[in-house]
N, C-alpha and C. Protein backbone atom coordinates (compact mmCIF):
# COMPACT_ATOMS: atom_id res chain seq x y z
N UNK A 1 -6.51 -13.18 4.80
CA UNK A 1 -5.14 -12.68 4.80
C UNK A 1 -4.77 -12.22 6.21
N UNK A 2 -3.55 -12.43 6.61
CA UNK A 2 -3.08 -12.07 7.93
C UNK A 2 -2.77 -10.58 7.97
N UNK A 3 -3.13 -9.91 9.06
CA UNK A 3 -2.91 -8.47 9.19
C UNK A 3 -1.42 -8.11 9.18
N UNK A 4 -0.53 -9.07 9.45
CA UNK A 4 0.91 -8.79 9.44
C UNK A 4 1.37 -8.37 8.04
N UNK A 5 0.69 -8.82 7.03
CA UNK A 5 1.11 -8.56 5.66
C UNK A 5 0.45 -7.31 5.08
N UNK A 6 0.34 -6.28 5.89
CA UNK A 6 -0.23 -5.01 5.45
C UNK A 6 0.82 -3.92 5.62
N UNK A 7 0.99 -3.12 4.56
CA UNK A 7 1.88 -1.97 4.63
C UNK A 7 1.00 -0.73 4.53
N UNK A 8 0.98 0.06 5.59
CA UNK A 8 0.21 1.31 5.60
C UNK A 8 1.11 2.44 5.12
N UNK A 9 0.66 3.16 4.10
CA UNK A 9 1.45 4.23 3.51
C UNK A 9 1.11 5.56 4.19
N UNK A 10 2.17 6.28 4.58
CA UNK A 10 2.00 7.57 5.23
C UNK A 10 2.82 8.63 4.53
N UNK A 11 3.54 9.44 5.32
CA UNK A 11 4.27 10.57 4.76
C UNK A 11 5.76 10.35 4.60
N UNK A 12 6.23 9.14 4.85
CA UNK A 12 7.66 8.86 4.70
C UNK A 12 8.03 8.77 3.21
N UNK A 13 9.33 8.80 2.92
CA UNK A 13 9.75 8.65 1.51
C UNK A 13 9.35 7.28 0.95
N UNK A 14 9.14 7.24 -0.36
CA UNK A 14 8.68 6.03 -1.04
C UNK A 14 9.58 4.84 -0.76
N UNK A 15 10.90 5.07 -0.71
CA UNK A 15 11.82 3.94 -0.54
C UNK A 15 11.65 3.24 0.81
N UNK A 16 11.16 3.94 1.82
CA UNK A 16 10.87 3.30 3.11
C UNK A 16 9.81 2.21 2.94
N UNK A 17 8.79 2.51 2.14
CA UNK A 17 7.71 1.56 1.92
C UNK A 17 8.14 0.44 0.98
N UNK A 18 8.99 0.77 0.00
CA UNK A 18 9.54 -0.26 -0.89
C UNK A 18 10.32 -1.27 -0.06
N UNK A 19 11.13 -0.77 0.88
CA UNK A 19 11.91 -1.64 1.76
C UNK A 19 10.98 -2.54 2.58
N UNK A 20 9.89 -1.98 3.09
CA UNK A 20 8.93 -2.77 3.87
C UNK A 20 8.31 -3.88 3.02
N UNK A 21 7.96 -3.57 1.78
CA UNK A 21 7.35 -4.57 0.87
C UNK A 21 8.36 -5.67 0.55
N UNK A 22 9.57 -5.29 0.16
CA UNK A 22 10.60 -6.26 -0.20
C UNK A 22 10.93 -7.15 1.00
N UNK A 23 11.03 -6.54 2.19
CA UNK A 23 11.34 -7.29 3.41
C UNK A 23 10.26 -8.33 3.71
N UNK A 24 9.00 -7.94 3.57
CA UNK A 24 7.92 -8.88 3.85
C UNK A 24 7.94 -10.06 2.88
N UNK A 25 8.18 -9.80 1.60
CA UNK A 25 8.27 -10.91 0.65
C UNK A 25 9.48 -11.79 0.96
N UNK A 26 10.60 -11.19 1.34
CA UNK A 26 11.79 -11.97 1.68
C UNK A 26 11.60 -12.80 2.95
N UNK A 27 10.69 -12.38 3.81
CA UNK A 27 10.38 -13.13 5.03
C UNK A 27 9.32 -14.20 4.80
N UNK A 28 8.95 -14.44 3.55
CA UNK A 28 8.07 -15.55 3.23
C UNK A 28 6.62 -15.21 2.96
N UNK A 29 6.28 -13.93 2.93
CA UNK A 29 4.88 -13.56 2.66
C UNK A 29 4.53 -13.92 1.21
N UNK A 30 3.34 -14.50 1.03
CA UNK A 30 2.88 -14.82 -0.33
C UNK A 30 2.10 -13.65 -0.93
N UNK A 31 1.51 -12.83 -0.04
CA UNK A 31 0.62 -11.77 -0.48
C UNK A 31 0.74 -10.60 0.50
N UNK A 32 0.77 -9.39 -0.05
CA UNK A 32 0.87 -8.19 0.78
C UNK A 32 -0.20 -7.20 0.34
N UNK A 33 -0.81 -6.57 1.32
CA UNK A 33 -1.80 -5.54 1.06
C UNK A 33 -1.18 -4.18 1.37
N UNK A 34 -1.19 -3.29 0.38
CA UNK A 34 -0.64 -1.94 0.56
C UNK A 34 -1.84 -0.99 0.64
N UNK A 35 -1.97 -0.30 1.78
CA UNK A 35 -3.13 0.55 2.00
C UNK A 35 -2.71 2.00 2.17
N UNK A 36 -3.52 2.90 1.59
CA UNK A 36 -3.24 4.33 1.73
C UNK A 36 -4.55 5.09 1.60
N UNK A 37 -4.52 6.32 2.09
CA UNK A 37 -5.68 7.18 1.90
C UNK A 37 -5.25 8.61 1.65
N UNK A 38 -6.12 9.35 0.99
CA UNK A 38 -5.86 10.76 0.71
C UNK A 38 -4.65 10.97 -0.18
N UNK A 39 -3.81 11.92 0.22
CA UNK A 39 -2.65 12.30 -0.60
C UNK A 39 -1.59 11.22 -0.67
N UNK A 40 -1.66 10.22 0.21
CA UNK A 40 -0.67 9.14 0.22
C UNK A 40 -0.94 8.09 -0.86
N UNK A 41 -2.07 8.19 -1.56
CA UNK A 41 -2.42 7.18 -2.57
C UNK A 41 -1.35 7.11 -3.66
N UNK A 42 -0.89 8.25 -4.14
CA UNK A 42 0.13 8.22 -5.21
C UNK A 42 1.43 7.61 -4.69
N UNK A 43 1.73 7.82 -3.41
CA UNK A 43 2.94 7.21 -2.82
C UNK A 43 2.79 5.69 -2.77
N UNK A 44 1.59 5.21 -2.50
CA UNK A 44 1.34 3.76 -2.47
C UNK A 44 1.56 3.15 -3.85
N UNK A 45 1.03 3.81 -4.87
CA UNK A 45 1.21 3.33 -6.24
C UNK A 45 2.69 3.33 -6.60
N UNK A 46 3.41 4.40 -6.24
CA UNK A 46 4.85 4.48 -6.51
C UNK A 46 5.60 3.34 -5.82
N UNK A 47 5.26 3.08 -4.56
CA UNK A 47 5.95 2.04 -3.79
C UNK A 47 5.77 0.67 -4.43
N UNK A 48 4.54 0.38 -4.86
CA UNK A 48 4.26 -0.91 -5.50
C UNK A 48 4.99 -1.01 -6.83
N UNK A 49 4.96 0.05 -7.61
CA UNK A 49 5.60 0.02 -8.93
C UNK A 49 7.13 -0.09 -8.82
N UNK A 50 7.73 0.63 -7.90
CA UNK A 50 9.19 0.54 -7.72
C UNK A 50 9.56 -0.87 -7.25
N UNK A 51 8.76 -1.42 -6.33
CA UNK A 51 9.02 -2.80 -5.85
C UNK A 51 8.97 -3.79 -7.00
N UNK A 52 7.94 -3.66 -7.84
CA UNK A 52 7.76 -4.59 -8.97
C UNK A 52 8.84 -4.43 -10.03
N UNK A 53 9.12 -3.20 -10.39
CA UNK A 53 10.00 -2.96 -11.54
C UNK A 53 11.49 -3.00 -11.21
N UNK A 54 11.87 -2.63 -9.98
CA UNK A 54 13.28 -2.54 -9.67
C UNK A 54 13.81 -3.68 -8.81
N UNK A 55 12.96 -4.24 -7.94
CA UNK A 55 13.47 -5.21 -6.96
C UNK A 55 12.89 -6.61 -7.11
N UNK A 56 11.58 -6.73 -7.23
CA UNK A 56 10.93 -8.04 -7.26
C UNK A 56 10.19 -8.21 -8.58
N UNK A 57 10.87 -8.82 -9.54
CA UNK A 57 10.25 -8.93 -10.87
C UNK A 57 9.20 -10.02 -10.94
N UNK A 58 9.10 -10.86 -9.90
CA UNK A 58 8.16 -11.99 -9.95
C UNK A 58 6.86 -11.70 -9.19
N UNK A 59 6.61 -10.46 -8.78
CA UNK A 59 5.33 -10.18 -8.11
C UNK A 59 4.37 -9.52 -9.08
N UNK A 60 3.08 -9.71 -8.81
CA UNK A 60 2.08 -9.08 -9.67
C UNK A 60 0.95 -8.53 -8.81
N UNK A 61 0.23 -7.59 -9.40
CA UNK A 61 -0.91 -6.99 -8.72
C UNK A 61 -2.09 -7.95 -8.82
N UNK A 62 -2.58 -8.40 -7.67
CA UNK A 62 -3.70 -9.33 -7.63
C UNK A 62 -5.03 -8.59 -7.76
N UNK A 63 -5.19 -7.52 -6.93
CA UNK A 63 -6.40 -6.72 -7.05
C UNK A 63 -6.16 -5.33 -6.48
N UNK A 64 -7.02 -4.41 -6.93
CA UNK A 64 -6.98 -3.04 -6.44
C UNK A 64 -8.39 -2.67 -6.00
N UNK A 65 -8.50 -2.26 -4.74
CA UNK A 65 -9.80 -1.84 -4.20
C UNK A 65 -9.74 -0.35 -3.92
N UNK A 66 -10.79 0.36 -4.31
CA UNK A 66 -10.85 1.80 -4.01
C UNK A 66 -12.15 2.09 -3.29
N UNK A 67 -12.15 3.18 -2.56
CA UNK A 67 -13.35 3.54 -1.84
C UNK A 67 -13.21 4.90 -1.19
N UNK A 68 -14.20 5.21 -0.34
CA UNK A 68 -14.21 6.47 0.38
C UNK A 68 -14.48 6.20 1.85
N UNK A 69 -13.75 6.88 2.71
CA UNK A 69 -13.96 6.77 4.15
C UNK A 69 -14.41 8.13 4.66
N UNK A 70 -15.35 8.11 5.57
CA UNK A 70 -15.78 9.35 6.21
C UNK A 70 -14.95 9.53 7.48
N UNK A 71 -14.31 10.68 7.60
CA UNK A 71 -13.57 10.95 8.83
C UNK A 71 -14.11 12.24 9.46
N UNK A 72 -14.06 12.28 10.78
CA UNK A 72 -14.54 13.46 11.49
C UNK A 72 -13.37 14.41 11.74
N UNK A 73 -13.55 15.65 11.34
CA UNK A 73 -12.53 16.68 11.60
C UNK A 73 -13.16 17.76 12.47
N UNK A 74 -12.34 18.72 12.85
CA UNK A 74 -12.87 19.81 13.67
C UNK A 74 -13.84 20.69 12.88
N UNK A 75 -13.82 20.57 11.57
CA UNK A 75 -14.74 21.33 10.71
C UNK A 75 -15.91 20.47 10.23
N UNK A 76 -16.16 19.34 10.89
CA UNK A 76 -17.26 18.47 10.48
C UNK A 76 -16.75 17.25 9.75
N UNK A 77 -17.66 16.48 9.18
CA UNK A 77 -17.29 15.27 8.46
C UNK A 77 -16.63 15.59 7.14
N UNK A 78 -15.70 14.71 6.76
CA UNK A 78 -14.98 14.89 5.51
C UNK A 78 -14.80 13.53 4.85
N UNK A 79 -14.86 13.48 3.52
CA UNK A 79 -14.64 12.24 2.79
C UNK A 79 -13.19 12.14 2.36
N UNK A 80 -12.60 10.96 2.57
CA UNK A 80 -11.21 10.73 2.17
C UNK A 80 -11.17 9.49 1.29
N UNK A 81 -10.51 9.60 0.15
CA UNK A 81 -10.36 8.45 -0.75
C UNK A 81 -9.40 7.45 -0.15
N UNK A 82 -9.68 6.15 -0.38
CA UNK A 82 -8.79 5.10 0.10
C UNK A 82 -8.48 4.14 -1.04
N UNK A 83 -7.33 3.51 -0.96
CA UNK A 83 -6.95 2.49 -1.94
C UNK A 83 -6.27 1.34 -1.21
N UNK A 84 -6.53 0.14 -1.71
CA UNK A 84 -5.82 -1.04 -1.21
C UNK A 84 -5.32 -1.81 -2.43
N UNK A 85 -4.02 -1.98 -2.50
CA UNK A 85 -3.40 -2.70 -3.62
C UNK A 85 -2.87 -4.02 -3.06
N UNK A 86 -3.41 -5.13 -3.54
CA UNK A 86 -2.97 -6.44 -3.09
C UNK A 86 -1.99 -6.99 -4.13
N UNK A 87 -0.77 -7.29 -3.67
CA UNK A 87 0.26 -7.84 -4.56
C UNK A 87 0.64 -9.23 -4.07
N UNK A 88 1.00 -10.11 -5.01
CA UNK A 88 1.34 -11.48 -4.65
C UNK A 88 2.53 -11.96 -5.46
N UNK A 89 3.18 -13.00 -4.91
CA UNK A 89 4.31 -13.63 -5.59
C UNK A 89 3.81 -14.61 -6.61
């Protein structure tokens, strides 16, 4: 999969990410990977679900990958949950 078709979820409102997903599909993407970690995971799920249910009725979830990433903080190492939701037309 091409790295261009990745939407990284952060702290912006859900509709910003929905717009990014819809735009990528409208630009001809066959498959998009939505990635998030930590507290942004629920926002990623919301963005995918709003895209599917309200805007693009012909896309489906191909796979969901979950895992844990170790990140270094000023207080030592910390584990952060990660999710990758792959959606396709």
